[in-house]
Protein backbone atom coordinates (compact mmCIF):
# COMPACT_ATOMS: atom_id res chain seq x y z
CA MET A 1 0.34 0.06 -0.19
CA GLN A 2 1.32 3.44 -0.87
CA GLN A 3 1.24 6.28 1.55
CA PRO A 4 2.17 9.14 -0.74
CA ASN A 5 1.00 11.64 2.05
CA ASN A 6 2.73 10.37 5.09
CA PRO A 7 6.33 11.31 4.69
CA LEU A 8 7.27 9.05 7.33
CA HIS A 9 6.65 6.13 5.57
CA GLY A 10 9.14 3.85 5.13
CA LYS A 11 10.81 4.90 8.11
CA THR A 12 11.17 2.55 11.19
CA LEU A 13 10.87 3.81 14.58
CA GLU A 14 14.17 2.92 15.68
CA ALA A 15 15.62 4.48 12.14
CA ILE A 16 14.03 7.79 13.35
CA LEU A 17 15.33 7.78 17.45
CA ASN A 18 18.70 6.58 16.49
CA ALA A 19 18.94 9.76 13.52
CA LEU A 20 17.85 12.17 17.00
CA VAL A 21 19.87 10.52 19.11
CA ALA A 22 23.05 10.99 17.09
CA HIS A 23 22.01 14.18 16.50
CA TYR A 24 21.30 15.72 19.40
CA GLY A 25 22.20 13.13 22.60
CA TRP A 26 19.76 12.12 25.05
CA PRO A 27 20.45 14.55 27.24
CA GLU A 28 19.10 17.65 24.59
CA LEU A 29 16.56 15.24 23.38
CA ALA A 30 14.94 14.94 26.70
CA GLU A 31 14.85 18.87 27.03
CA ARG A 32 13.36 18.89 23.73
CA ILE A 33 10.77 15.44 24.94
CA ARG A 34 9.99 15.49 28.62
CA ILE A 35 9.54 12.38 29.17
CA ASN A 36 11.25 10.05 31.48
CA CYS A 37 12.63 7.19 29.08
CA PHE A 38 14.96 10.08 27.83
CA ILE A 39 15.72 11.30 30.88
CA SER A 40 16.31 8.46 33.20
CA ASP A 41 18.77 6.06 32.30
CA PRO A 42 17.95 6.26 28.82
CA SER A 43 18.78 3.62 26.01
CA ILE A 44 17.00 3.07 23.10
CA LYS A 45 15.78 -0.25 23.54
CA SER A 46 13.82 1.25 26.60
CA SER A 47 12.68 4.14 24.72
CA LEU A 48 11.48 2.36 21.86
CA LYS A 49 9.32 -0.19 24.16
CA PHE A 50 7.63 2.70 25.38
CA LEU A 51 7.13 4.57 22.42
CA ARG A 52 5.54 1.61 20.88
CA LYS A 53 2.81 1.10 23.58
CA THR A 54 2.46 5.77 23.84
CA PRO A 55 1.21 7.07 20.81
CA TRP A 56 1.51 10.70 22.19
CA ALA A 57 4.99 10.41 22.81
CA ARG A 58 5.19 8.43 19.76
CA LYS A 59 3.64 11.76 18.23
CA LYS A 60 5.97 13.85 19.43
CA VAL A 61 9.22 11.60 18.14
CA GLU A 62 7.63 11.78 14.62
CA ASP A 63 6.89 15.82 14.86
CA LEU A 64 10.46 16.36 16.08
CA TYR A 65 12.13 14.26 13.38
CA GLU A 66 9.68 15.86 10.93
CA SER A 67 10.82 19.15 12.16
CA THR A 68 14.83 18.70 11.76
CA PRO A 69 14.96 19.36 8.39
CA SER A 70 18.69 17.93 8.23
CA LEU A 71 17.49 14.57 9.78
CA PHE A 72 14.64 14.38 7.65
CA THR A 73 16.09 14.72 4.00
CA GLU A 74 19.08 12.69 5.54
CA ILE A 75 17.11 9.72 5.67
CA GLN A 76 14.82 9.84 3.02
């Protein structure tokens, strides 16, 4: 199924999160998105587990990714 209006189509949450962590680092990511999995002992694995269960938090991560032009065009 094609999703021409979905700019994140084909990108995994893990790839998005890895790109954000590489670009911002955990401390700045925690400042931008105030969720505990980014603040207290952050890891990709624990963050993915939380984000997959929490739609509002996932949306914030996806929105930050889309609003960071250098990242958004990098993975496309």
